[in-house]
């Protein structure tokens, strides 16, 4: 007779944890890189990208974790949009990605100005 192993209702598979961790770390790294490049005087500033960086740095996603789900749901679409633009350098590409994150969250009401 086989025994049924009961899994807890809140069980999350290991691969989901790993995917979530990679997603979180990729955004964190993007924000960190953007902040480092922004320190150079000849780098163009963008208010929307800066607002997303501030939102992330103040960990506003902790108040509304569904905002991260929204970004994750639209991540492929955002990456396609960024890669379809022929940016000259990686900073502009990264900046545009952060702008799109900001616009997505702002339209959904996750960023309060």
PDB file of N, CA and C in Angstrom:
ATOM      1  N   UNK A   1       0.829  -1.162   0.000  1.00  0.00           N
ATOM      2  CA  UNK A   1       0.000   0.000   0.000  1.00  0.00           C
ATOM      3  C   UNK A   1       0.895   1.255   0.000  1.00  0.00           C
ATOM      4  N   UNK A   2       0.627   2.151  -0.929  1.00  0.00           N
ATOM      5  CA  UNK A   2       1.420   3.368  -1.040  1.00  0.00           C
ATOM      6  C   UNK A   2       0.889   4.427  -0.084  1.00  0.00           C
ATOM      7  N   UNK A   3       1.843   5.167   0.454  1.00  0.00           N
ATOM      8  CA  UNK A   3       1.470   6.274   1.324  1.00  0.00           C
ATOM      9  C   UNK A   3       1.436   7.554   0.499  1.00  0.00           C
ATOM     10  N   UNK A   4       0.442   8.336   0.714  1.00  0.00           N
ATOM     11  CA  UNK A   4       0.371   9.635   0.050  1.00  0.00           C
ATOM     12  C   UNK A   4       1.174  10.643   0.864  1.00  0.00           C
ATOM     13  N   UNK A   5       2.002  11.353   0.165  1.00  0.00           N
ATOM     14  CA  UNK A   5       2.762  12.407   0.818  1.00  0.00           C
ATOM     15  C   UNK A   5       1.991  13.700   0.626  1.00  0.00           C
ATOM     16  N   UNK A   6       1.641  14.283   1.715  1.00  0.00           N
ATOM     17  CA  UNK A   6       0.864  15.515   1.655  1.00  0.00           C
ATOM     18  C   UNK A   6       1.809  16.719   1.593  1.00  0.00           C
ATOM     19  N   UNK A   7       1.620  17.558   0.598  1.00  0.00           N
ATOM     20  CA  UNK A   7       2.430  18.766   0.471  1.00  0.00           C
ATOM     21  C   UNK A   7       1.656  19.932   1.070  1.00  0.00           C
ATOM     22  N   UNK A   8       2.362  20.822   1.713  1.00  0.00           N
ATOM     23  CA  UNK A   8       1.686  21.992   2.289  1.00  0.00           C
ATOM     24  C   UNK A   8       1.019  22.823   1.197  1.00  0.00           C
ATOM     25  N   UNK A   9      -0.040  23.523   1.559  1.00  0.00           N
ATOM     26  CA  UNK A   9      -0.771  24.342   0.583  1.00  0.00           C
ATOM     27  C   UNK A   9       0.064  25.489   0.050  1.00  0.00           C
ATOM     28  N   UNK A  10       0.988  25.983   0.839  1.00  0.00           N
ATOM     29  CA  UNK A  10       1.804  27.105   0.406  1.00  0.00           C
ATOM     30  C   UNK A  10       3.154  26.671  -0.174  1.00  0.00           C
ATOM     31  N   UNK A  11       3.267  25.425  -0.559  1.00  0.00           N
ATOM     32  CA  UNK A  11       4.498  24.893  -1.144  1.00  0.00           C
ATOM     33  C   UNK A  11       4.779  25.547  -2.491  1.00  0.00           C
ATOM     34  N   UNK A  12       6.012  25.978  -2.654  1.00  0.00           N
ATOM     35  CA  UNK A  12       6.452  26.567  -3.919  1.00  0.00           C
ATOM     36  C   UNK A  12       7.646  25.744  -4.401  1.00  0.00           C
ATOM     37  N   UNK A  13       7.556  25.208  -5.618  1.00  0.00           N
ATOM     38  CA  UNK A  13       8.656  24.374  -6.133  1.00  0.00           C
ATOM     39  C   UNK A  13       9.977  25.143  -6.183  1.00  0.00           C
ATOM     40  N   UNK A  14      11.062  24.413  -6.043  1.00  0.00           N
ATOM     41  CA  UNK A  14      12.399  24.999  -6.016  1.00  0.00           C
ATOM     42  C   UNK A  14      12.711  25.789  -7.280  1.00  0.00           C
ATOM     43  N   UNK A  15      12.280  25.284  -8.439  1.00  0.00           N
ATOM     44  CA  UNK A  15      12.580  26.003  -9.683  1.00  0.00           C
ATOM     45  C   UNK A  15      11.881  27.360  -9.727  1.00  0.00           C
ATOM     46  N   UNK A  16      10.704  27.467  -9.114  1.00  0.00           N
ATOM     47  CA  UNK A  16      10.017  28.759  -9.053  1.00  0.00           C
ATOM     48  C   UNK A  16      10.785  29.737  -8.169  1.00  0.00           C
ATOM     49  N   UNK A  17      11.309  29.237  -7.045  1.00  0.00           N
ATOM     50  CA  UNK A  17      12.118  30.083  -6.176  1.00  0.00           C
ATOM     51  C   UNK A  17      13.336  30.599  -6.927  1.00  0.00           C
ATOM     52  N   UNK A  18      13.984  29.717  -7.664  1.00  0.00           N
ATOM     53  CA  UNK A  18      15.190  30.091  -8.404  1.00  0.00           C
ATOM     54  C   UNK A  18      14.871  31.139  -9.473  1.00  0.00           C
ATOM     55  N   UNK A  19      13.774  30.937 -10.204  1.00  0.00           N
ATOM     56  CA  UNK A  19      13.362  31.914 -11.222  1.00  0.00           C
ATOM     57  C   UNK A  19      13.066  33.270 -10.596  1.00  0.00           C
ATOM     58  N   UNK A  20      12.375  33.262  -9.465  1.00  0.00           N
ATOM     59  CA  UNK A  20      12.036  34.510  -8.780  1.00  0.00           C
ATOM     60  C   UNK A  20      13.294  35.224  -8.298  1.00  0.00           C
ATOM     61  N   UNK A  21      14.237  34.459  -7.787  1.00  0.00           N
ATOM     62  CA  UNK A  21      15.485  35.044  -7.303  1.00  0.00           C
ATOM     63  C   UNK A  21      16.265  35.674  -8.455  1.00  0.00           C
ATOM     64  N   UNK A  22      16.369  34.967  -9.574  1.00  0.00           N
ATOM     65  CA  UNK A  22      17.086  35.497 -10.744  1.00  0.00           C
ATOM     66  C   UNK A  22      16.424  36.762 -11.269  1.00  0.00           C
ATOM     67  N   UNK A  23      15.083  36.777 -11.306  1.00  0.00           N
ATOM     68  CA  UNK A  23      14.336  37.943 -11.755  1.00  0.00           C
ATOM     69  C   UNK A  23      14.627  39.142 -10.857  1.00  0.00           C
ATOM     70  N   UNK A  24      14.537  38.931  -9.558  1.00  0.00           N
ATOM     71  CA  UNK A  24      14.779  39.997  -8.590  1.00  0.00           C
ATOM     72  C   UNK A  24      16.208  40.527  -8.710  1.00  0.00           C
ATOM     73  N   UNK A  25      17.170  39.621  -8.772  1.00  0.00           N
ATOM     74  CA  UNK A  25      18.571  40.034  -8.853  1.00  0.00           C
ATOM     75  C   UNK A  25      18.881  40.763 -10.155  1.00  0.00           C
ATOM     76  N   UNK A  26      18.218  40.389 -11.244  1.00  0.00           N
ATOM     77  CA  UNK A  26      18.468  41.069 -12.522  1.00  0.00           C
ATOM     78  C   UNK A  26      18.003  42.520 -12.462  1.00  0.00           C
ATOM     79  N   UNK A  27      16.860  42.761 -11.848  1.00  0.00           N
ATOM     80  CA  UNK A  27      16.388  44.148 -11.718  1.00  0.00           C
ATOM     81  C   UNK A  27      17.292  44.923 -10.760  1.00  0.00           C
ATOM     82  N   UNK A  28      17.651  44.286  -9.664  1.00  0.00           N
ATOM     83  CA  UNK A  28      18.541  44.943  -8.706  1.00  0.00           C
ATOM     84  C   UNK A  28      19.861  45.326  -9.374  1.00  0.00           C
ATOM     85  N   UNK A  29      20.409  44.420 -10.180  1.00  0.00           N
ATOM     86  CA  UNK A  29      21.658  44.703 -10.884  1.00  0.00           C
ATOM     87  C   UNK A  29      21.491  45.832 -11.894  1.00  0.00           C
ATOM     88  N   UNK A  30      20.366  45.834 -12.618  1.00  0.00           N
ATOM     89  CA  UNK A  30      20.092  46.922 -13.570  1.00  0.00           C
ATOM     90  C   UNK A  30      20.066  48.272 -12.854  1.00  0.00           C
ATOM     91  N   UNK A  31      19.394  48.321 -11.714  1.00  0.00           N
ATOM     92  CA  UNK A  31      19.305  49.564 -10.945  1.00  0.00           C
ATOM     93  C   UNK A  31      20.684  49.982 -10.455  1.00  0.00           C
ATOM     94  N   UNK A  32      21.456  49.042  -9.947  1.00  0.00           N
ATOM     95  CA  UNK A  32      22.803  49.362  -9.453  1.00  0.00           C
ATOM     96  C   UNK A  32      23.703  49.879 -10.573  1.00  0.00           C
ATOM     97  N   UNK A  33      23.655  49.239 -11.713  1.00  0.00           N
ATOM     98  CA  UNK A  33      24.472  49.669 -12.865  1.00  0.00           C
ATOM     99  C   UNK A  33      24.051  51.064 -13.316  1.00  0.00           C
ATOM    100  N   UNK A  34      22.745  51.290 -13.391  1.00  0.00           N
ATOM    101  CA  UNK A  34      22.239  52.600 -13.807  1.00  0.00           C
ATOM    102  C   UNK A  34      22.714  53.695 -12.845  1.00  0.00           C
ATOM    103  N   UNK A  35      22.649  53.425 -11.550  1.00  0.00           N
ATOM    104  CA  UNK A  35      23.076  54.413 -10.560  1.00  0.00           C
ATOM    105  C   UNK A  35      24.562  54.719 -10.698  1.00  0.00           C
ATOM    106  N   UNK A  36      25.373  53.728 -11.015  1.00  0.00           N
ATOM    107  CA  UNK A  36      26.808  53.955 -11.181  1.00  0.00           C
ATOM    108  C   UNK A  36      27.102  54.789 -12.421  1.00  0.00           C
ATOM    109  N   UNK A  37      26.430  54.488 -13.520  1.00  0.00           N
ATOM    110  CA  UNK A  37      26.645  55.250 -14.750  1.00  0.00           C
ATOM    111  C   UNK A  37      26.136  56.673 -14.629  1.00  0.00           C
ATOM    112  N   UNK A  38      25.072  56.845 -13.896  1.00  0.00           N
ATOM    113  CA  UNK A  38      24.453  58.160 -13.754  1.00  0.00           C
ATOM    114  C   UNK A  38      25.371  59.156 -13.066  1.00  0.00           C
ATOM    115  N   UNK A  39      26.353  58.670 -12.353  1.00  0.00           N
ATOM    116  CA  UNK A  39      27.297  59.547 -11.647  1.00  0.00           C
ATOM    117  C   UNK A  39      28.215  60.309 -12.602  1.00  0.00           C
ATOM    118  N   UNK A  40      28.408  59.793 -13.802  1.00  0.00           N
ATOM    119  CA  UNK A  40      29.264  60.467 -14.769  1.00  0.00           C
ATOM    120  C   UNK A  40      28.551  61.713 -15.300  1.00  0.00           C
ATOM    121  N   UNK A  41      29.252  62.829 -15.386  1.00  0.00           N
ATOM    122  CA  UNK A  41      28.600  64.092 -15.767  1.00  0.00           C
ATOM    123  C   UNK A  41      28.050  64.129 -17.197  1.00  0.00           C
ATOM    124  N   UNK A  42      28.590  63.340 -18.101  1.00  0.00           N
ATOM    125  CA  UNK A  42      28.126  63.411 -19.491  1.00  0.00           C
ATOM    126  C   UNK A  42      26.979  62.439 -19.796  1.00  0.00           C
ATOM    127  N   UNK A  43      26.456  61.774 -18.782  1.00  0.00           N
ATOM    128  CA  UNK A  43      25.347  60.841 -18.992  1.00  0.00           C
ATOM    129  C   UNK A  43      24.016  61.586 -18.940  1.00  0.00           C
ATOM    130  N   UNK A  44      23.159  61.289 -19.897  1.00  0.00           N
ATOM    131  CA  UNK A  44      21.846  61.917 -19.934  1.00  0.00           C
ATOM    132  C   UNK A  44      20.989  61.416 -18.779  1.00  0.00           C
ATOM    133  N   UNK A  45      20.281  62.333 -18.171  1.00  0.00           N
ATOM    134  CA  UNK A  45      19.382  61.993 -17.073  1.00  0.00           C
ATOM    135  C   UNK A  45      17.971  61.805 -17.631  1.00  0.00           C
ATOM    136  N   UNK A  46      17.187  60.989 -16.968  1.00  0.00           N
ATOM    137  CA  UNK A  46      15.798  60.808 -17.355  1.00  0.00           C
ATOM    138  C   UNK A  46      14.962  60.697 -16.093  1.00  0.00           C
ATOM    139  N   UNK A  47      13.952  61.542 -15.995  1.00  0.00           N
ATOM    140  CA  UNK A  47      13.130  61.608 -14.788  1.00  0.00           C
ATOM    141  C   UNK A  47      12.393  60.301 -14.514  1.00  0.00           C
ATOM    142  N   UNK A  48      11.847  59.669 -15.562  1.00  0.00           N
ATOM    143  CA  UNK A  48      11.103  58.427 -15.363  1.00  0.00           C
ATOM    144  C   UNK A  48      12.017  57.296 -14.886  1.00  0.00           C
ATOM    145  N   UNK A  49      13.185  57.179 -15.493  1.00  0.00           N
ATOM    146  CA  UNK A  49      14.137  56.147 -15.061  1.00  0.00           C
ATOM    147  C   UNK A  49      14.577  56.415 -13.629  1.00  0.00           C
ATOM    148  N   UNK A  50      14.833  57.679 -13.314  1.00  0.00           N
ATOM    149  CA  UNK A  50      15.246  58.035 -11.958  1.00  0.00           C
ATOM    150  C   UNK A  50      14.141  57.726 -10.940  1.00  0.00           C
ATOM    151  N   UNK A  51      12.905  57.933 -11.320  1.00  0.00           N
ATOM    152  CA  UNK A  51      11.791  57.630 -10.405  1.00  0.00           C
ATOM    153  C   UNK A  51      11.659  56.125 -10.176  1.00  0.00           C
ATOM    154  N   UNK A  52      11.885  55.334 -11.218  1.00  0.00           N
ATOM    155  CA  UNK A  52      11.851  53.887 -11.008  1.00  0.00           C
ATOM    156  C   UNK A  52      12.986  53.465 -10.078  1.00  0.00           C
ATOM    157  N   UNK A  53      14.165  54.016 -10.280  1.00  0.00           N
ATOM    158  CA  UNK A  53      15.316  53.694  -9.441  1.00  0.00           C
ATOM    159  C   UNK A  53      15.021  54.064  -7.980  1.00  0.00           C
ATOM    160  N   UNK A  54      14.411  55.208  -7.764  1.00  0.00           N
ATOM    161  CA  UNK A  54      14.058  55.618  -6.399  1.00  0.00           C
ATOM    162  C   UNK A  54      13.019  54.664  -5.812  1.00  0.00           C
ATOM    163  N   UNK A  55      12.008  54.312  -6.607  1.00  0.00           N
ATOM    164  CA  UNK A  55      10.975  53.379  -6.162  1.00  0.00           C
ATOM    165  C   UNK A  55      11.603  52.049  -5.756  1.00  0.00           C
ATOM    166  N   UNK A  56      12.531  51.564  -6.571  1.00  0.00           N
ATOM    167  CA  UNK A  56      13.199  50.295  -6.282  1.00  0.00           C
ATOM    168  C   UNK A  56      14.104  50.430  -5.050  1.00  0.00           C
ATOM    169  N   UNK A  57      14.868  51.501  -4.996  1.00  0.00           N
ATOM    170  CA  UNK A  57      15.832  51.688  -3.905  1.00  0.00           C
ATOM    171  C   UNK A  57      15.139  51.807  -2.545  1.00  0.00           C
ATOM    172  N   UNK A  58      13.957  52.401  -2.536  1.00  0.00           N
ATOM    173  CA  UNK A  58      13.181  52.505  -1.296  1.00  0.00           C
ATOM    174  C   UNK A  58      12.350  51.252  -1.026  1.00  0.00           C
ATOM    175  N   UNK A  59      12.548  50.240  -1.868  1.00  0.00           N
ATOM    176  CA  UNK A  59      11.889  48.931  -1.732  1.00  0.00           C
ATOM    177  C   UNK A  59      10.370  49.046  -1.634  1.00  0.00           C
ATOM    178  N   UNK A  60       9.801  49.876  -2.475  1.00  0.00           N
ATOM    179  CA  UNK A  60       8.343  50.047  -2.501  1.00  0.00           C
ATOM    180  C   UNK A  60       7.639  48.775  -2.969  1.00  0.00           C
ATOM    181  N   UNK A  61       8.369  47.914  -3.672  1.00  0.00           N
ATOM    182  CA  UNK A  61       7.795  46.646  -4.122  1.00  0.00           C
ATOM    183  C   UNK A  61       7.408  45.767  -2.938  1.00  0.00           C
ATOM    184  N   UNK A  62       8.022  45.995  -1.779  1.00  0.00           N
ATOM    185  CA  UNK A  62       7.697  45.198  -0.590  1.00  0.00           C
ATOM    186  C   UNK A  62       6.286  45.505  -0.104  1.00  0.00           C
ATOM    187  N   UNK A  63       5.835  46.743  -0.320  1.00  0.00           N
ATOM    188  CA  UNK A  63       4.477  47.131   0.067  1.00  0.00           C
ATOM    189  C   UNK A  63       3.438  46.524  -0.867  1.00  0.00           C
ATOM    190  N   UNK A  64       3.816  46.357  -2.122  1.00  0.00           N
ATOM    191  CA  UNK A  64       2.899  45.826  -3.131  1.00  0.00           C
ATOM    192  C   UNK A  64       3.632  44.803  -3.983  1.00  0.00           C
ATOM    193  N   UNK A  65       3.793  43.570  -3.475  1.00  0.00           N
ATOM    194  CA  UNK A  65       4.563  42.563  -4.218  1.00  0.00           C
ATOM    195  C   UNK A  65       3.955  42.200  -5.569  1.00  0.00           C
ATOM    196  N   UNK A  66       2.685  42.489  -5.752  1.00  0.00           N
ATOM    197  CA  UNK A  66       2.071  42.209  -7.054  1.00  0.00           C
ATOM    198  C   UNK A  66       2.663  43.083  -8.154  1.00  0.00           C
ATOM    199  N   UNK A  67       3.340  44.161  -7.770  1.00  0.00           N
ATOM    200  CA  UNK A  67       4.014  44.999  -8.765  1.00  0.00           C
ATOM    201  C   UNK A  67       5.137  44.219  -9.442  1.00  0.00           C
ATOM    202  N   UNK A  68       5.814  43.352  -8.687  1.00  0.00           N
ATOM    203  CA  UNK A  68       6.867  42.524  -9.274  1.00  0.00           C
ATOM    204  C   UNK A  68       6.273  41.491 -10.230  1.00  0.00           C
ATOM    205  N   UNK A  69       5.107  40.980  -9.884  1.00  0.00           N
ATOM    206  CA  UNK A  69       4.430  40.036 -10.789  1.00  0.00           C
ATOM    207  C   UNK A  69       4.065  40.720 -12.093  1.00  0.00           C
ATOM    208  N   UNK A  70       3.629  41.971 -11.996  1.00  0.00           N
ATOM    209  CA  UNK A  70       3.275  42.730 -13.201  1.00  0.00           C
ATOM    210  C   UNK A  70       4.508  42.917 -14.094  1.00  0.00           C
ATOM    211  N   UNK A  71       5.625  43.297 -13.498  1.00  0.00           N
ATOM    212  CA  UNK A  71       6.852  43.456 -14.289  1.00  0.00           C
ATOM    213  C   UNK A  71       7.247  42.129 -14.918  1.00  0.00           C
ATOM    214  N   UNK A  72       7.200  41.078 -14.139  1.00  0.00           N
ATOM    215  CA  UNK A  72       7.586  39.757 -14.653  1.00  0.00           C
ATOM    216  C   UNK A  72       6.676  39.317 -15.797  1.00  0.00           C
ATOM    217  N   UNK A  73       5.390  39.594 -15.679  1.00  0.00           N
ATOM    218  CA  UNK A  73       4.447  39.230 -16.735  1.00  0.00           C
ATOM    219  C   UNK A  73       4.730  39.964 -18.038  1.00  0.00           C
ATOM    220  N   UNK A  74       5.263  41.173 -17.949  1.00  0.00           N
ATOM    221  CA  UNK A  74       5.521  41.991 -19.141  1.00  0.00           C
ATOM    222  C   UNK A  74       6.995  42.062 -19.525  1.00  0.00           C
ATOM    223  N   UNK A  75       7.835  41.297 -18.830  1.00  0.00           N
ATOM    224  CA  UNK A  75       9.270  41.401 -19.046  1.00  0.00           C
ATOM    225  C   UNK A  75       9.692  41.061 -20.471  1.00  0.00           C
ATOM    226  N   UNK A  76       9.156  39.979 -21.028  1.00  0.00           N
ATOM    227  CA  UNK A  76       9.526  39.608 -22.407  1.00  0.00           C
ATOM    228  C   UNK A  76       9.135  40.705 -23.395  1.00  0.00           C
ATOM    229  N   UNK A  77       7.960  41.257 -23.206  1.00  0.00           N
ATOM    230  CA  UNK A  77       7.474  42.344 -24.066  1.00  0.00           C
ATOM    231  C   UNK A  77       8.386  43.569 -23.958  1.00  0.00           C
ATOM    232  N   UNK A  78       8.807  43.900 -22.749  1.00  0.00           N
ATOM    233  CA  UNK A  78       9.686  45.047 -22.528  1.00  0.00           C
ATOM    234  C   UNK A  78      11.054  44.806 -23.159  1.00  0.00           C
ATOM    235  N   UNK A  79      11.586  43.616 -22.978  1.00  0.00           N
ATOM    236  CA  UNK A  79      12.893  43.292 -23.560  1.00  0.00           C
ATOM    237  C   UNK A  79      12.833  43.357 -25.084  1.00  0.00           C
ATOM    238  N   UNK A  80      11.749  42.858 -25.680  1.00  0.00           N
ATOM    239  CA  UNK A  80      11.595  42.943 -27.138  1.00  0.00           C
ATOM    240  C   UNK A  80      11.543  44.393 -27.594  1.00  0.00           C
ATOM    241  N   UNK A  81      10.816  45.221 -26.851  1.00  0.00           N
ATOM    242  CA  UNK A  81      10.688  46.629 -27.213  1.00  0.00           C
ATOM    243  C   UNK A  81      12.046  47.332 -27.120  1.00  0.00           C
ATOM    244  N   UNK A  82      12.797  47.035 -26.074  1.00  0.00           N
ATOM    245  CA  UNK A  82      14.110  47.651 -25.894  1.00  0.00           C
ATOM    246  C   UNK A  82      15.077  47.189 -26.979  1.00  0.00           C
ATOM    247  N   UNK A  83      15.053  45.900 -27.277  1.00  0.00           N
ATOM    248  CA  UNK A  83      15.990  45.377 -28.275  1.00  0.00           C
ATOM    249  C   UNK A  83      15.616  45.799 -29.694  1.00  0.00           C
ATOM    250  N   UNK A  84      14.359  46.180 -29.921  1.00  0.00           N
ATOM    251  CA  UNK A  84      13.953  46.625 -31.253  1.00  0.00           C
ATOM    252  C   UNK A  84      14.451  48.031 -31.552  1.00  0.00           C
ATOM    253  N   UNK A  85      14.776  48.780 -30.521  1.00  0.00           N
ATOM    254  CA  UNK A  85      15.349  50.117 -30.710  1.00  0.00           C
ATOM    255  C   UNK A  85      16.852  49.953 -30.896  1.00  0.00           C
ATOM    256  N   UNK A  86      17.390  50.684 -31.798  1.00  0.00           N
ATOM    257  CA  UNK A  86      18.823  50.577 -32.075  1.00  0.00           C
ATOM    258  C   UNK A  86      19.593  51.631 -31.286  1.00  0.00           C
ATOM    259  N   UNK A  87      19.746  51.355 -29.992  1.00  0.00           N
ATOM    260  CA  UNK A  87      20.494  52.277 -29.150  1.00  0.00           C
ATOM    261  C   UNK A  87      21.980  52.133 -29.426  1.00  0.00           C
ATOM    262  N   UNK A  88      22.683  53.241 -29.304  1.00  0.00           N
ATOM    263  CA  UNK A  88      24.113  53.255 -29.569  1.00  0.00           C
ATOM    264  C   UNK A  88      24.884  52.622 -28.415  1.00  0.00           C
ATOM    265  N   UNK A  89      24.459  52.895 -27.194  1.00  0.00           N
ATOM    266  CA  UNK A  89      25.200  52.336 -26.065  1.00  0.00           C
ATOM    267  C   UNK A  89      24.276  51.625 -25.077  1.00  0.00           C
ATOM    268  N   UNK A  90      24.902  50.863 -24.208  1.00  0.00           N
ATOM    269  CA  UNK A  90      24.167  50.072 -23.236  1.00  0.00           C
ATOM    270  C   UNK A  90      23.461  50.910 -22.190  1.00  0.00           C
ATOM    271  N   UNK A  91      24.007  52.087 -21.883  1.00  0.00           N
ATOM    272  CA  UNK A  91      23.374  52.962 -20.898  1.00  0.00           C
ATOM    273  C   UNK A  91      21.995  53.402 -21.374  1.00  0.00           C
ATOM    274  N   UNK A  92      21.888  53.817 -22.636  1.00  0.00           N
ATOM    275  CA  UNK A  92      20.594  54.238 -23.174  1.00  0.00           C
ATOM    276  C   UNK A  92      19.612  53.069 -23.181  1.00  0.00           C
ATOM    277  N   UNK A  93      20.097  51.906 -23.510  1.00  0.00           N
ATOM    278  CA  UNK A  93      19.261  50.710 -23.528  1.00  0.00           C
ATOM    279  C   UNK A  93      18.739  50.413 -22.121  1.00  0.00           C
ATOM    280  N   UNK A  94      19.623  50.459 -21.151  1.00  0.00           N
ATOM    281  CA  UNK A  94      19.242  50.209 -19.766  1.00  0.00           C
ATOM    282  C   UNK A  94      18.277  51.277 -19.275  1.00  0.00           C
ATOM    283  N   UNK A  95      18.550  52.509 -19.616  1.00  0.00           N
ATOM    284  CA  UNK A  95      17.687  53.613 -19.213  1.00  0.00           C
ATOM    285  C   UNK A  95      16.274  53.433 -19.778  1.00  0.00           C
ATOM    286  N   UNK A  96      16.176  53.048 -21.031  1.00  0.00           N
ATOM    287  CA  UNK A  96      14.871  52.839 -21.653  1.00  0.00           C
ATOM    288  C   UNK A  96      14.114  51.691 -20.975  1.00  0.00           C
ATOM    289  N   UNK A  97      14.831  50.647 -20.604  1.00  0.00           N
ATOM    290  CA  UNK A  97      14.213  49.521 -19.901  1.00  0.00           C
ATOM    291  C   UNK A  97      13.609  49.993 -18.576  1.00  0.00           C
ATOM    292  N   UNK A  98      14.352  50.803 -17.839  1.00  0.00           N
ATOM    293  CA  UNK A  98      13.856  51.324 -16.569  1.00  0.00           C
ATOM    294  C   UNK A  98      12.685  52.279 -16.779  1.00  0.00           C
ATOM    295  N   UNK A  99      12.726  53.029 -17.861  1.00  0.00           N
ATOM    296  CA  UNK A  99      11.601  53.908 -18.205  1.00  0.00           C
ATOM    297  C   UNK A  99      10.350  53.074 -18.447  1.00  0.00           C
ATOM    298  N   UNK A 100      10.488  51.980 -19.186  1.00  0.00           N
ATOM    299  CA  UNK A 100       9.333  51.119 -19.460  1.00  0.00           C
ATOM    300  C   UNK A 100       8.811  50.462 -18.187  1.00  0.00           C
ATOM    301  N   UNK A 101       9.706  50.079 -17.284  1.00  0.00           N
ATOM    302  CA  UNK A 101       9.270  49.560 -15.980  1.00  0.00           C
ATOM    303  C   UNK A 101       8.449  50.623 -15.247  1.00  0.00           C
ATOM    304  N   UNK A 102       8.964  51.840 -15.234  1.00  0.00           N
ATOM    305  CA  UNK A 102       8.270  52.935 -14.552  1.00  0.00           C
ATOM    306  C   UNK A 102       6.884  53.164 -15.154  1.00  0.00           C
ATOM    307  N   UNK A 103       6.811  53.251 -16.460  1.00  0.00           N
ATOM    308  CA  UNK A 103       5.524  53.516 -17.121  1.00  0.00           C
ATOM    309  C   UNK A 103       4.515  52.409 -16.838  1.00  0.00           C
ATOM    310  N   UNK A 104       4.969  51.173 -16.870  1.00  0.00           N
ATOM    311  CA  UNK A 104       4.093  50.041 -16.590  1.00  0.00           C
ATOM    312  C   UNK A 104       3.535  50.132 -15.173  1.00  0.00           C
ATOM    313  N   UNK A 105       4.397  50.362 -14.214  1.00  0.00           N
ATOM    314  CA  UNK A 105       3.970  50.453 -12.819  1.00  0.00           C
ATOM    315  C   UNK A 105       3.116  51.692 -12.558  1.00  0.00           C
ATOM    316  N   UNK A 106       3.452  52.782 -13.197  1.00  0.00           N
ATOM    317  CA  UNK A 106       2.688  54.010 -13.027  1.00  0.00           C
ATOM    318  C   UNK A 106       1.270  53.863 -13.587  1.00  0.00           C
ATOM    319  N   UNK A 107       1.154  53.259 -14.772  1.00  0.00           N
ATOM    320  CA  UNK A 107      -0.163  53.037 -15.367  1.00  0.00           C
ATOM    321  C   UNK A 107      -1.028  52.108 -14.511  1.00  0.00           C
ATOM    322  N   UNK A 108      -0.377  51.169 -13.842  1.00  0.00           N
ATOM    323  CA  UNK A 108      -1.114  50.215 -12.999  1.00  0.00           C
ATOM    324  C   UNK A 108      -1.390  50.784 -11.602  1.00  0.00           C
ATOM    325  N   UNK A 109      -0.864  51.965 -11.313  1.00  0.00           N
ATOM    326  CA  UNK A 109      -1.124  52.608 -10.021  1.00  0.00           C
ATOM    327  C   UNK A 109      -0.210  52.164  -8.893  1.00  0.00           C
ATOM    328  N   UNK A 110       0.913  51.551  -9.214  1.00  0.00           N
ATOM    329  CA  UNK A 110       1.840  51.093  -8.178  1.00  0.00           C
ATOM    330  C   UNK A 110       2.822  52.156  -7.748  1.00  0.00           C
ATOM    331  N   UNK A 111       2.972  53.201  -8.554  1.00  0.00           N
ATOM    332  CA  UNK A 111       3.880  54.294  -8.201  1.00  0.00           C
ATOM    333  C   UNK A 111       3.034  55.522  -7.932  1.00  0.00           C
ATOM    334  N   UNK A 112       3.157  56.006  -6.714  1.00  0.00           N
ATOM    335  CA  UNK A 112       2.421  57.211  -6.327  1.00  0.00           C
ATOM    336  C   UNK A 112       3.373  58.384  -6.357  1.00  0.00           C
ATOM    337  N   UNK A 113       2.982  59.392  -7.079  1.00  0.00           N
ATOM    338  CA  UNK A 113       3.861  60.569  -7.178  1.00  0.00           C
ATOM    339  C   UNK A 113       3.440  61.620  -6.193  1.00  0.00           C
TER     340      UNK A 113
END
